[in-house]
Amino acid sequence: MANAKTSGTPHPGDRTFVGQPKPRDPAEIGLGSVVLAHEGPDEGWWEAEVIGINGRVFSLRWRDYPTQPTILRKATELALLPPGEA
């Protein structure tokens, strides 16, 4: 049985992996996913959309402020939305 790497199907971490719109597990985060990120420790958490993936780093666009510069975050710096949100 072929796995995702040998079958050509994108998998988590690939630049072309399309994630779940509202992931319930970090492995489901991919292009188009809405997650929570923060600008700094005193800024709180805000909704952001994944617009790019480069290895273990995600490029994000703030959902409510799409004209702000793109931000970069590692998966460990993101949080999932509570069930029923977004």
Protein backbone atom coordinates (compact mmCIF):
# COMPACT_ATOMS: atom_id res chain seq x y z
CA MET A 1 0.00 0.00 0.00
CA ALA A 2 1.46 3.38 -1.00
CA ASN A 3 1.76 6.11 1.60
CA ALA A 4 1.18 9.84 1.00
CA LYS A 5 4.84 10.53 0.20
CA THR A 6 5.07 7.90 -2.52
CA SER A 7 1.60 8.37 -3.96
CA GLY A 8 2.06 12.06 -4.73
CA THR A 9 -0.80 13.04 -2.40
CA PRO A 10 0.07 16.12 -0.30
CA HIS A 11 0.42 15.44 3.42
CA PRO A 12 0.85 17.71 6.48
CA GLY A 13 3.99 19.80 6.09
CA ASP A 14 3.84 19.87 2.27
CA ARG A 15 3.53 23.30 0.64
CA THR A 16 0.36 22.16 -1.16
CA PHE A 17 -1.40 20.42 1.75
CA VAL A 18 -4.94 21.80 1.98
CA GLY A 19 -6.03 21.58 5.59
CA GLN A 20 -9.37 21.40 7.27
CA PRO A 21 -11.08 24.82 7.41
CA LYS A 22 -11.52 24.38 11.19
CA PRO A 23 -8.89 21.82 12.22
CA ARG A 24 -9.53 19.78 15.36
CA ASP A 25 -6.00 18.35 15.42
CA PRO A 26 -2.66 20.05 14.60
CA ALA A 27 -2.08 17.47 11.83
CA GLU A 28 -5.14 18.89 10.01
CA ILE A 29 -3.64 22.41 9.72
CA GLY A 30 -2.91 23.30 6.10
CA LEU A 31 -3.66 25.87 3.42
CA GLY A 32 -6.96 27.59 4.14
CA SER A 33 -7.16 26.52 7.79
CA VAL A 34 -8.24 29.09 10.36
CA VAL A 35 -6.19 28.94 13.56
CA LEU A 36 -5.36 31.17 16.51
CA ALA A 37 -2.08 33.08 16.65
CA HIS A 38 -0.72 35.95 18.71
CA GLU A 39 1.34 39.01 17.83
CA GLY A 40 3.10 39.02 21.20
CA PRO A 41 2.71 37.75 24.76
CA ASP A 42 0.56 40.74 25.80
CA GLU A 43 -1.57 40.89 22.64
CA GLY A 44 -3.98 37.98 23.04
CA TRP A 45 -4.90 35.35 20.44
CA TRP A 46 -6.53 36.22 17.10
CA GLU A 47 -7.93 34.25 14.19
CA ALA A 48 -5.56 33.84 11.25
CA GLU A 49 -5.76 31.94 7.95
CA VAL A 50 -2.92 29.74 6.72
CA ILE A 51 -1.82 31.07 3.32
CA GLY A 52 1.50 29.25 2.95
CA ILE A 53 3.62 26.43 4.35
CA ASN A 54 7.41 26.20 4.30
CA GLY A 55 8.51 23.10 6.17
CA ARG A 56 7.43 23.61 9.77
CA VAL A 57 6.65 27.31 9.39
CA PHE A 58 3.21 28.61 8.44
CA SER A 59 2.56 31.92 6.67
CA LEU A 60 -0.57 33.49 8.10
CA ARG A 61 -2.90 36.37 7.31
CA TRP A 62 -4.92 37.92 10.11
CA ARG A 63 -8.57 37.10 9.42
CA ASP A 64 -9.91 40.49 10.55
CA TYR A 65 -6.95 42.52 9.22
CA PRO A 66 -6.09 41.04 5.80
CA THR A 67 -4.06 44.10 4.71
CA GLN A 68 -1.58 43.70 7.57
CA PRO A 69 1.77 42.08 6.68
CA THR A 70 1.98 38.30 6.55
CA ILE A 71 3.15 36.70 9.78
CA LEU A 72 5.20 33.53 10.21
CA ARG A 73 4.60 31.02 12.99
CA LYS A 74 5.73 27.50 13.84
CA ALA A 75 3.01 24.93 14.51
CA THR A 76 3.89 25.04 18.20
CA GLU A 77 3.01 28.76 18.22
CA LEU A 78 -0.55 28.17 16.97
CA ALA A 79 -3.73 27.11 18.72
CA LEU A 80 -6.90 25.49 17.42
CA LEU A 81 -10.27 27.22 17.51
CA PRO A 82 -12.74 25.98 20.12
CA PRO A 83 -15.44 23.70 18.64
CA GLY A 84 -18.25 25.68 17.03
CA GLU A 85 -16.16 28.83 16.42
CA ALA A 86 -15.19 30.66 13.17
